[in-house]
């Protein structure tokens, strides 16, 4: 399966419905399409690759801690996924208008 965020057939159907949409719905659709363009850019793919690498490193460290090969306590590393915490931080920043200037 290809690496798609959404099914391209669905995107085609939504684009074909644009002439029948209200102005507000058309604007929302265009914002969603622009967001998809941003999310499929090369820079985002690089960030995703690096985050996956960090997550893999975290899992290896957690596995070593569970096996008792590291000096840290077991409870210190469990239940703390840095990837998830990073995504939560981004959502909080977006929800509170913490970014300066206009995003869109």
PDB file of N, CA and C in Angstrom:
ATOM      1  N   UNK A   1       0.841  -1.179   0.000  1.00  0.00           N
ATOM      2  CA  UNK A   1       0.000   0.000   0.000  1.00  0.00           C
ATOM      3  C   UNK A   1       0.886   1.243   0.000  1.00  0.00           C
ATOM      4  N   UNK A   2       0.517   2.210  -0.791  1.00  0.00           N
ATOM      5  CA  UNK A   2       1.292   3.439  -0.890  1.00  0.00           C
ATOM      6  C   UNK A   2       1.131   4.259   0.388  1.00  0.00           C
ATOM      7  N   UNK A   3       2.026   5.201   0.551  1.00  0.00           N
ATOM      8  CA  UNK A   3       2.039   6.038   1.747  1.00  0.00           C
ATOM      9  C   UNK A   3       1.156   7.266   1.538  1.00  0.00           C
ATOM     10  N   UNK A   4      -0.165   7.085   1.639  1.00  0.00           N
ATOM     11  CA  UNK A   4      -1.118   8.171   1.459  1.00  0.00           C
ATOM     12  C   UNK A   4      -1.704   8.570   2.799  1.00  0.00           C
ATOM     13  N   UNK A   5      -1.957   9.866   2.953  1.00  0.00           N
ATOM     14  CA  UNK A   5      -2.644  10.339   4.148  1.00  0.00           C
ATOM     15  C   UNK A   5      -4.125  10.033   4.028  1.00  0.00           C
ATOM     16  N   UNK A   6      -4.685  10.312   2.843  1.00  0.00           N
ATOM     17  CA  UNK A   6      -6.073   9.943   2.557  1.00  0.00           C
ATOM     18  C   UNK A   6      -6.100   9.270   1.195  1.00  0.00           C
ATOM     19  N   UNK A   7      -7.159   8.577   0.926  1.00  0.00           N
ATOM     20  CA  UNK A   7      -7.318   7.891  -0.351  1.00  0.00           C
ATOM     21  C   UNK A   7      -7.461   8.924  -1.474  1.00  0.00           C
ATOM     22  N   UNK A   8      -6.634   8.838  -2.525  1.00  0.00           N
ATOM     23  CA  UNK A   8      -6.728   9.808  -3.622  1.00  0.00           C
ATOM     24  C   UNK A   8      -8.098   9.796  -4.311  1.00  0.00           C
ATOM     25  N   UNK A   9      -8.770   8.663  -4.308  1.00  0.00           N
ATOM     26  CA  UNK A   9     -10.112   8.601  -4.893  1.00  0.00           C
ATOM     27  C   UNK A   9     -11.093   9.467  -4.106  1.00  0.00           C
ATOM     28  N   UNK A  10     -10.965   9.479  -2.797  1.00  0.00           N
ATOM     29  CA  UNK A  10     -11.818  10.323  -1.964  1.00  0.00           C
ATOM     30  C   UNK A  10     -11.563  11.792  -2.249  1.00  0.00           C
ATOM     31  N   UNK A  11     -10.286  12.149  -2.402  1.00  0.00           N
ATOM     32  CA  UNK A  11      -9.943  13.530  -2.714  1.00  0.00           C
ATOM     33  C   UNK A  11     -10.526  13.949  -4.059  1.00  0.00           C
ATOM     34  N   UNK A  12     -10.523  13.054  -5.026  1.00  0.00           N
ATOM     35  CA  UNK A  12     -11.104  13.341  -6.338  1.00  0.00           C
ATOM     36  C   UNK A  12     -12.608  13.578  -6.229  1.00  0.00           C
ATOM     37  N   UNK A  13     -13.283  12.774  -5.425  1.00  0.00           N
ATOM     38  CA  UNK A  13     -14.727  12.936  -5.229  1.00  0.00           C
ATOM     39  C   UNK A  13     -15.026  14.284  -4.581  1.00  0.00           C
ATOM     40  N   UNK A  14     -14.254  14.652  -3.560  1.00  0.00           N
ATOM     41  CA  UNK A  14     -14.480  15.928  -2.882  1.00  0.00           C
ATOM     42  C   UNK A  14     -14.234  17.089  -3.842  1.00  0.00           C
ATOM     43  N   UNK A  15     -13.189  16.983  -4.660  1.00  0.00           N
ATOM     44  CA  UNK A  15     -12.902  18.048  -5.620  1.00  0.00           C
ATOM     45  C   UNK A  15     -13.996  18.157  -6.682  1.00  0.00           C
ATOM     46  N   UNK A  16     -14.589  17.034  -7.052  1.00  0.00           N
ATOM     47  CA  UNK A  16     -15.651  17.080  -8.049  1.00  0.00           C
ATOM     48  C   UNK A  16     -16.939  17.710  -7.497  1.00  0.00           C
ATOM     49  N   UNK A  17     -17.085  17.734  -6.179  1.00  0.00           N
ATOM     50  CA  UNK A  17     -18.264  18.326  -5.554  1.00  0.00           C
ATOM     51  C   UNK A  17     -18.129  19.824  -5.315  1.00  0.00           C
ATOM     52  N   UNK A  18     -16.962  20.400  -5.579  1.00  0.00           N
ATOM     53  CA  UNK A  18     -16.729  21.818  -5.314  1.00  0.00           C
ATOM     54  C   UNK A  18     -17.744  22.752  -5.980  1.00  0.00           C
ATOM     55  N   UNK A  19     -18.147  22.521  -7.232  1.00  0.00           N
ATOM     56  CA  UNK A  19     -19.116  23.447  -7.838  1.00  0.00           C
ATOM     57  C   UNK A  19     -20.456  23.496  -7.108  1.00  0.00           C
ATOM     58  N   UNK A  20     -20.770  22.468  -6.352  1.00  0.00           N
ATOM     59  CA  UNK A  20     -22.056  22.391  -5.659  1.00  0.00           C
ATOM     60  C   UNK A  20     -21.976  22.840  -4.207  1.00  0.00           C
ATOM     61  N   UNK A  21     -20.795  23.225  -3.749  1.00  0.00           N
ATOM     62  CA  UNK A  21     -20.606  23.606  -2.354  1.00  0.00           C
ATOM     63  C   UNK A  21     -20.878  25.094  -2.162  1.00  0.00           C
ATOM     64  N   UNK A  22     -21.217  25.420  -0.932  1.00  0.00           N
ATOM     65  CA  UNK A  22     -21.341  26.841  -0.585  1.00  0.00           C
ATOM     66  C   UNK A  22     -19.936  27.449  -0.530  1.00  0.00           C
ATOM     67  N   UNK A  23     -19.894  28.760  -0.457  1.00  0.00           N
ATOM     68  CA  UNK A  23     -18.593  29.444  -0.425  1.00  0.00           C
ATOM     69  C   UNK A  23     -17.783  29.017   0.795  1.00  0.00           C
ATOM     70  N   UNK A  24     -18.436  28.916   1.926  1.00  0.00           N
ATOM     71  CA  UNK A  24     -17.758  28.519   3.169  1.00  0.00           C
ATOM     72  C   UNK A  24     -17.227  27.089   3.067  1.00  0.00           C
ATOM     73  N   UNK A  25     -18.026  26.164   2.534  1.00  0.00           N
ATOM     74  CA  UNK A  25     -17.587  24.774   2.381  1.00  0.00           C
ATOM     75  C   UNK A  25     -16.421  24.688   1.396  1.00  0.00           C
ATOM     76  N   UNK A  26     -16.467  25.488   0.338  1.00  0.00           N
ATOM     77  CA  UNK A  26     -15.386  25.500  -0.641  1.00  0.00           C
ATOM     78  C   UNK A  26     -14.087  26.001  -0.005  1.00  0.00           C
ATOM     79  N   UNK A  27     -14.190  27.028   0.833  1.00  0.00           N
ATOM     80  CA  UNK A  27     -13.003  27.543   1.519  1.00  0.00           C
ATOM     81  C   UNK A  27     -12.413  26.505   2.467  1.00  0.00           C
ATOM     82  N   UNK A  28     -13.277  25.811   3.193  1.00  0.00           N
ATOM     83  CA  UNK A  28     -12.808  24.762   4.102  1.00  0.00           C
ATOM     84  C   UNK A  28     -12.138  23.634   3.336  1.00  0.00           C
ATOM     85  N   UNK A  29     -12.705  23.280   2.186  1.00  0.00           N
ATOM     86  CA  UNK A  29     -12.122  22.238   1.354  1.00  0.00           C
ATOM     87  C   UNK A  29     -10.753  22.655   0.845  1.00  0.00           C
ATOM     88  N   UNK A  30     -10.622  23.910   0.435  1.00  0.00           N
ATOM     89  CA  UNK A  30      -9.329  24.398  -0.052  1.00  0.00           C
ATOM     90  C   UNK A  30      -8.287  24.440   1.059  1.00  0.00           C
ATOM     91  N   UNK A  31      -8.711  24.789   2.261  1.00  0.00           N
ATOM     92  CA  UNK A  31      -7.784  24.760   3.402  1.00  0.00           C
ATOM     93  C   UNK A  31      -7.323  23.325   3.657  1.00  0.00           C
ATOM     94  N   UNK A  32      -8.254  22.375   3.611  1.00  0.00           N
ATOM     95  CA  UNK A  32      -7.894  20.970   3.820  1.00  0.00           C
ATOM     96  C   UNK A  32      -6.936  20.479   2.727  1.00  0.00           C
ATOM     97  N   UNK A  33      -7.172  20.880   1.485  1.00  0.00           N
ATOM     98  CA  UNK A  33      -6.283  20.473   0.390  1.00  0.00           C
ATOM     99  C   UNK A  33      -4.890  21.070   0.574  1.00  0.00           C
ATOM    100  N   UNK A  34      -4.830  22.333   0.992  1.00  0.00           N
ATOM    101  CA  UNK A  34      -3.534  22.966   1.233  1.00  0.00           C
ATOM    102  C   UNK A  34      -2.806  22.288   2.375  1.00  0.00           C
ATOM    103  N   UNK A  35      -3.547  21.936   3.411  1.00  0.00           N
ATOM    104  CA  UNK A  35      -2.954  21.221   4.539  1.00  0.00           C
ATOM    105  C   UNK A  35      -2.410  19.867   4.097  1.00  0.00           C
ATOM    106  N   UNK A  36      -3.124  19.183   3.231  1.00  0.00           N
ATOM    107  CA  UNK A  36      -2.635  17.909   2.698  1.00  0.00           C
ATOM    108  C   UNK A  36      -1.358  18.112   1.893  1.00  0.00           C
ATOM    109  N   UNK A  37      -1.300  19.194   1.118  1.00  0.00           N
ATOM    110  CA  UNK A  37      -0.082  19.488   0.366  1.00  0.00           C
ATOM    111  C   UNK A  37       1.106  19.699   1.298  1.00  0.00           C
ATOM    112  N   UNK A  38       0.867  20.419   2.383  1.00  0.00           N
ATOM    113  CA  UNK A  38       1.936  20.662   3.356  1.00  0.00           C
ATOM    114  C   UNK A  38       2.374  19.353   4.008  1.00  0.00           C
ATOM    115  N   UNK A  39       1.395  18.538   4.405  1.00  0.00           N
ATOM    116  CA  UNK A  39       1.716  17.287   5.097  1.00  0.00           C
ATOM    117  C   UNK A  39       2.404  16.258   4.212  1.00  0.00           C
ATOM    118  N   UNK A  40       2.279  16.397   2.911  1.00  0.00           N
ATOM    119  CA  UNK A  40       2.940  15.451   2.006  1.00  0.00           C
ATOM    120  C   UNK A  40       4.235  16.019   1.432  1.00  0.00           C
ATOM    121  N   UNK A  41       4.691  17.163   1.945  1.00  0.00           N
ATOM    122  CA  UNK A  41       5.924  17.766   1.443  1.00  0.00           C
ATOM    123  C   UNK A  41       7.141  16.962   1.910  1.00  0.00           C
ATOM    124  N   UNK A  42       8.250  17.203   1.256  1.00  0.00           N
ATOM    125  CA  UNK A  42       9.486  16.473   1.558  1.00  0.00           C
ATOM    126  C   UNK A  42       9.997  16.790   2.965  1.00  0.00           C
ATOM    127  N   UNK A  43       9.852  18.041   3.401  1.00  0.00           N
ATOM    128  CA  UNK A  43      10.319  18.418   4.734  1.00  0.00           C
ATOM    129  C   UNK A  43       9.559  17.666   5.820  1.00  0.00           C
ATOM    130  N   UNK A  44       8.264  17.517   5.638  1.00  0.00           N
ATOM    131  CA  UNK A  44       7.461  16.791   6.629  1.00  0.00           C
ATOM    132  C   UNK A  44       7.862  15.321   6.651  1.00  0.00           C
ATOM    133  N   UNK A  45       8.158  14.769   5.485  1.00  0.00           N
ATOM    134  CA  UNK A  45       8.615  13.368   5.444  1.00  0.00           C
ATOM    135  C   UNK A  45       9.942  13.198   6.179  1.00  0.00           C
ATOM    136  N   UNK A  46      10.826  14.188   6.057  1.00  0.00           N
ATOM    137  CA  UNK A  46      12.093  14.124   6.781  1.00  0.00           C
ATOM    138  C   UNK A  46      11.867  14.201   8.285  1.00  0.00           C
ATOM    139  N   UNK A  47      10.971  15.087   8.708  1.00  0.00           N
ATOM    140  CA  UNK A  47      10.649  15.190  10.137  1.00  0.00           C
ATOM    141  C   UNK A  47      10.056  13.876  10.637  1.00  0.00           C
ATOM    142  N   UNK A  48       9.161  13.293   9.849  1.00  0.00           N
ATOM    143  CA  UNK A  48       8.542  12.026  10.237  1.00  0.00           C
ATOM    144  C   UNK A  48       9.602  10.935  10.386  1.00  0.00           C
ATOM    145  N   UNK A  49      10.541  10.884   9.452  1.00  0.00           N
ATOM    146  CA  UNK A  49      11.610   9.882   9.516  1.00  0.00           C
ATOM    147  C   UNK A  49      12.452  10.070  10.770  1.00  0.00           C
ATOM    148  N   UNK A  50      12.783  11.312  11.085  1.00  0.00           N
ATOM    149  CA  UNK A  50      13.600  11.584  12.276  1.00  0.00           C
ATOM    150  C   UNK A  50      12.842  11.280  13.556  1.00  0.00           C
ATOM    151  N   UNK A  51      11.539  11.595  13.588  1.00  0.00           N
ATOM    152  CA  UNK A  51      10.740  11.266  14.770  1.00  0.00           C
ATOM    153  C   UNK A  51      10.622   9.758  14.951  1.00  0.00           C
ATOM    154  N   UNK A  52      10.483   9.030  13.849  1.00  0.00           N
ATOM    155  CA  UNK A  52      10.425   7.574  13.941  1.00  0.00           C
ATOM    156  C   UNK A  52      11.749   7.014  14.444  1.00  0.00           C
ATOM    157  N   UNK A  53      12.857   7.626  14.047  1.00  0.00           N
ATOM    158  CA  UNK A  53      14.169   7.201  14.537  1.00  0.00           C
ATOM    159  C   UNK A  53      14.286   7.436  16.041  1.00  0.00           C
ATOM    160  N   UNK A  54      13.821   8.608  16.490  1.00  0.00           N
ATOM    161  CA  UNK A  54      13.837   8.884  17.925  1.00  0.00           C
ATOM    162  C   UNK A  54      12.965   7.903  18.694  1.00  0.00           C
ATOM    163  N   UNK A  55      11.821   7.587  18.106  1.00  0.00           N
ATOM    164  CA  UNK A  55      10.914   6.652  18.764  1.00  0.00           C
ATOM    165  C   UNK A  55      11.536   5.261  18.847  1.00  0.00           C
ATOM    166  N   UNK A  56      12.244   4.857  17.789  1.00  0.00           N
ATOM    167  CA  UNK A  56      12.904   3.552  17.798  1.00  0.00           C
ATOM    168  C   UNK A  56      14.003   3.535  18.858  1.00  0.00           C
ATOM    169  N   UNK A  57      14.757   4.636  18.966  1.00  0.00           N
ATOM    170  CA  UNK A  57      15.783   4.727  20.006  1.00  0.00           C
ATOM    171  C   UNK A  57      15.155   4.626  21.390  1.00  0.00           C
ATOM    172  N   UNK A  58      14.015   5.280  21.560  1.00  0.00           N
ATOM    173  CA  UNK A  58      13.311   5.224  22.837  1.00  0.00           C
ATOM    174  C   UNK A  58      12.902   3.788  23.165  1.00  0.00           C
ATOM    175  N   UNK A  59      12.365   3.092  22.173  1.00  0.00           N
ATOM    176  CA  UNK A  59      11.930   1.712  22.405  1.00  0.00           C
ATOM    177  C   UNK A  59      13.112   0.811  22.763  1.00  0.00           C
ATOM    178  N   UNK A  60      14.247   1.022  22.112  1.00  0.00           N
ATOM    179  CA  UNK A  60      15.435   0.233  22.442  1.00  0.00           C
ATOM    180  C   UNK A  60      15.908   0.533  23.864  1.00  0.00           C
ATOM    181  N   UNK A  61      15.886   1.813  24.242  1.00  0.00           N
ATOM    182  CA  UNK A  61      16.279   2.186  25.599  1.00  0.00           C
ATOM    183  C   UNK A  61      15.322   1.583  26.623  1.00  0.00           C
ATOM    184  N   UNK A  62      14.043   1.636  26.322  1.00  0.00           N
ATOM    185  CA  UNK A  62      13.055   1.061  27.228  1.00  0.00           C
ATOM    186  C   UNK A  62      13.250  -0.439  27.376  1.00  0.00           C
ATOM    187  N   UNK A  63      13.561  -1.097  26.268  1.00  0.00           N
ATOM    188  CA  UNK A  63      13.792  -2.538  26.315  1.00  0.00           C
ATOM    189  C   UNK A  63      15.020  -2.859  27.164  1.00  0.00           C
ATOM    190  N   UNK A  64      16.063  -2.042  27.035  1.00  0.00           N
ATOM    191  CA  UNK A  64      17.267  -2.262  27.839  1.00  0.00           C
ATOM    192  C   UNK A  64      16.970  -2.060  29.319  1.00  0.00           C
ATOM    193  N   UNK A  65      16.144  -1.065  29.629  1.00  0.00           N
ATOM    194  CA  UNK A  65      15.782  -0.815  31.021  1.00  0.00           C
ATOM    195  C   UNK A  65      14.982  -1.977  31.573  1.00  0.00           C
ATOM    196  N   UNK A  66      14.068  -2.494  30.775  1.00  0.00           N
ATOM    197  CA  UNK A  66      13.255  -3.623  31.231  1.00  0.00           C
ATOM    198  C   UNK A  66      14.110  -4.854  31.487  1.00  0.00           C
ATOM    199  N   UNK A  67      15.155  -5.016  30.706  1.00  0.00           N
ATOM    200  CA  UNK A  67      16.037  -6.167  30.890  1.00  0.00           C
ATOM    201  C   UNK A  67      17.025  -5.949  32.024  1.00  0.00           C
ATOM    202  N   UNK A  68      17.055  -4.736  32.587  1.00  0.00           N
ATOM    203  CA  UNK A  68      17.926  -4.460  33.716  1.00  0.00           C
ATOM    204  C   UNK A  68      19.354  -4.176  33.319  1.00  0.00           C
ATOM    205  N   UNK A  69      19.614  -3.824  32.066  1.00  0.00           N
ATOM    206  CA  UNK A  69      20.974  -3.567  31.618  1.00  0.00           C
ATOM    207  C   UNK A  69      21.399  -2.125  31.835  1.00  0.00           C
ATOM    208  N   UNK A  70      20.495  -1.280  32.236  1.00  0.00           N
ATOM    209  CA  UNK A  70      20.814   0.122  32.437  1.00  0.00           C
ATOM    210  C   UNK A  70      20.612   0.460  33.904  1.00  0.00           C
ATOM    211  N   UNK A  71      21.292   1.491  34.396  1.00  0.00           N
ATOM    212  CA  UNK A  71      21.230   1.850  35.799  1.00  0.00           C
ATOM    213  C   UNK A  71      19.957   2.559  36.214  1.00  0.00           C
ATOM    214  N   UNK A  72      19.144   3.006  35.253  1.00  0.00           N
ATOM    215  CA  UNK A  72      17.911   3.712  35.597  1.00  0.00           C
ATOM    216  C   UNK A  72      16.904   2.768  36.237  1.00  0.00           C
ATOM    217  N   UNK A  73      16.007   3.349  37.001  1.00  0.00           N
ATOM    218  CA  UNK A  73      14.918   2.560  37.567  1.00  0.00           C
ATOM    219  C   UNK A  73      13.934   2.213  36.468  1.00  0.00           C
ATOM    220  N   UNK A  74      13.272   1.091  36.613  1.00  0.00           N
ATOM    221  CA  UNK A  74      12.310   0.660  35.595  1.00  0.00           C
ATOM    222  C   UNK A  74      11.169   1.654  35.425  1.00  0.00           C
ATOM    223  N   UNK A  75      10.659   2.193  36.474  1.00  0.00           N
ATOM    224  CA  UNK A  75       9.501   3.071  36.411  1.00  0.00           C
ATOM    225  C   UNK A  75       9.779   4.420  35.776  1.00  0.00           C
ATOM    226  N   UNK A  76      11.055   4.811  35.686  1.00  0.00           N
ATOM    227  CA  UNK A  76      11.381   6.117  35.137  1.00  0.00           C
ATOM    228  C   UNK A  76      11.081   6.232  33.650  1.00  0.00           C
ATOM    229  N   UNK A  77      11.299   5.193  32.887  1.00  0.00           N
ATOM    230  CA  UNK A  77      11.161   5.270  31.442  1.00  0.00           C
ATOM    231  C   UNK A  77       9.825   4.737  30.940  1.00  0.00           C
ATOM    232  N   UNK A  78       9.116   4.014  31.757  1.00  0.00           N
ATOM    233  CA  UNK A  78       7.868   3.437  31.290  1.00  0.00           C
ATOM    234  C   UNK A  78       6.780   4.489  31.182  1.00  0.00           C
ATOM    235  N   UNK A  79       5.876   4.290  30.246  1.00  0.00           N
ATOM    236  CA  UNK A  79       4.701   5.136  30.050  1.00  0.00           C
ATOM    237  C   UNK A  79       5.042   6.562  29.637  1.00  0.00           C
ATOM    238  N   UNK A  80       6.233   6.799  29.105  1.00  0.00           N
ATOM    239  CA  UNK A  80       6.600   8.127  28.615  1.00  0.00           C
ATOM    240  C   UNK A  80       7.113   7.994  27.189  1.00  0.00           C
ATOM    241  N   UNK A  81       6.248   8.119  26.258  1.00  0.00           N
ATOM    242  CA  UNK A  81       6.628   8.041  24.850  1.00  0.00           C
ATOM    243  C   UNK A  81       6.891   9.460  24.352  1.00  0.00           C
ATOM    244  N   UNK A  82       8.138   9.821  24.047  1.00  0.00           N
ATOM    245  CA  UNK A  82       8.435  11.194  23.639  1.00  0.00           C
ATOM    246  C   UNK A  82       7.725  11.602  22.356  1.00  0.00           C
ATOM    247  N   UNK A  83       7.468  10.675  21.459  1.00  0.00           N
ATOM    248  CA  UNK A  83       6.764  10.971  20.218  1.00  0.00           C
ATOM    249  C   UNK A  83       5.349  11.458  20.526  1.00  0.00           C
ATOM    250  N   UNK A  84       4.666  10.772  21.407  1.00  0.00           N
ATOM    251  CA  UNK A  84       3.310  11.146  21.785  1.00  0.00           C
ATOM    252  C   UNK A  84       3.310  12.483  22.527  1.00  0.00           C
ATOM    253  N   UNK A  85       4.265  12.675  23.412  1.00  0.00           N
ATOM    254  CA  UNK A  85       4.349  13.935  24.143  1.00  0.00           C
ATOM    255  C   UNK A  85       4.616  15.100  23.201  1.00  0.00           C
ATOM    256  N   UNK A  86       5.444  14.892  22.177  1.00  0.00           N
ATOM    257  CA  UNK A  86       5.728  15.929  21.191  1.00  0.00           C
ATOM    258  C   UNK A  86       4.467  16.303  20.419  1.00  0.00           C
ATOM    259  N   UNK A  87       3.687  15.299  20.014  1.00  0.00           N
ATOM    260  CA  UNK A  87       2.453  15.576  19.281  1.00  0.00           C
ATOM    261  C   UNK A  87       1.437  16.308  20.157  1.00  0.00           C
ATOM    262  N   UNK A  88       1.369  15.947  21.424  1.00  0.00           N
ATOM    263  CA  UNK A  88       0.467  16.631  22.352  1.00  0.00           C
ATOM    264  C   UNK A  88       0.889  18.091  22.514  1.00  0.00           C
ATOM    265  N   UNK A  89       2.194  18.339  22.596  1.00  0.00           N
ATOM    266  CA  UNK A  89       2.695  19.699  22.699  1.00  0.00           C
ATOM    267  C   UNK A  89       2.296  20.519  21.480  1.00  0.00           C
ATOM    268  N   UNK A  90       2.446  19.947  20.283  1.00  0.00           N
ATOM    269  CA  UNK A  90       2.054  20.663  19.069  1.00  0.00           C
ATOM    270  C   UNK A  90       0.561  20.979  19.067  1.00  0.00           C
ATOM    271  N   UNK A  91      -0.266  20.023  19.470  1.00  0.00           N
ATOM    272  CA  UNK A  91      -1.706  20.270  19.528  1.00  0.00           C
ATOM    273  C   UNK A  91      -2.056  21.369  20.531  1.00  0.00           C
ATOM    274  N   UNK A  92      -1.385  21.376  21.664  1.00  0.00           N
ATOM    275  CA  UNK A  92      -1.636  22.422  22.655  1.00  0.00           C
ATOM    276  C   UNK A  92      -1.232  23.788  22.122  1.00  0.00           C
ATOM    277  N   UNK A  93      -0.104  23.858  21.437  1.00  0.00           N
ATOM    278  CA  UNK A  93       0.328  25.130  20.874  1.00  0.00           C
ATOM    279  C   UNK A  93      -0.651  25.628  19.821  1.00  0.00           C
ATOM    280  N   UNK A  94      -1.134  24.729  18.983  1.00  0.00           N
ATOM    281  CA  UNK A  94      -2.102  25.123  17.968  1.00  0.00           C
ATOM    282  C   UNK A  94      -3.431  25.545  18.589  1.00  0.00           C
ATOM    283  N   UNK A  95      -3.830  24.889  19.662  1.00  0.00           N
ATOM    284  CA  UNK A  95      -5.117  25.173  20.288  1.00  0.00           C
ATOM    285  C   UNK A  95      -5.120  26.487  21.062  1.00  0.00           C
ATOM    286  N   UNK A  96      -3.944  26.960  21.481  1.00  0.00           N
ATOM    287  CA  UNK A  96      -3.891  28.156  22.315  1.00  0.00           C
ATOM    288  C   UNK A  96      -3.368  29.374  21.584  1.00  0.00           C
ATOM    289  N   UNK A  97      -3.254  29.317  20.275  1.00  0.00           N
ATOM    290  CA  UNK A  97      -2.741  30.444  19.468  1.00  0.00           C
ATOM    291  C   UNK A  97      -1.363  30.896  19.960  1.00  0.00           C
ATOM    292  N   UNK A  98      -0.514  29.955  20.313  1.00  0.00           N
ATOM    293  CA  UNK A  98       0.803  30.280  20.817  1.00  0.00           C
ATOM    294  C   UNK A  98       1.798  30.629  19.715  1.00  0.00           C
ATOM    295  N   UNK A  99       1.458  30.337  18.464  1.00  0.00           N
ATOM    296  CA  UNK A  99       2.345  30.657  17.350  1.00  0.00           C
ATOM    297  C   UNK A  99       2.188  32.130  16.994  1.00  0.00           C
ATOM    298  N   UNK A 100       3.295  32.852  16.867  1.00  0.00           N
ATOM    299  CA  UNK A 100       3.178  34.281  16.498  1.00  0.00           C
ATOM    300  C   UNK A 100       2.805  34.431  15.033  1.00  0.00           C
ATOM    301  N   UNK A 101       2.053  35.468  14.715  1.00  0.00           N
ATOM    302  CA  UNK A 101       1.694  35.752  13.333  1.00  0.00           C
ATOM    303  C   UNK A 101       0.589  34.864  12.835  1.00  0.00           C
ATOM    304  N   UNK A 102       0.325  34.981  11.545  1.00  0.00           N
ATOM    305  CA  UNK A 102      -0.737  34.190  10.920  1.00  0.00           C
ATOM    306  C   UNK A 102      -0.164  32.890  10.390  1.00  0.00           C
ATOM    307  N   UNK A 103      -0.849  31.787  10.657  1.00  0.00           N
ATOM    308  CA  UNK A 103      -0.438  30.487  10.125  1.00  0.00           C
ATOM    309  C   UNK A 103      -1.011  30.310   8.736  1.00  0.00           C
ATOM    310  N   UNK A 104      -2.243  30.726   8.572  1.00  0.00           N
ATOM    311  CA  UNK A 104      -2.929  30.533   7.278  1.00  0.00           C
ATOM    312  C   UNK A 104      -3.051  31.866   6.574  1.00  0.00           C
TER     313      UNK A 104
END
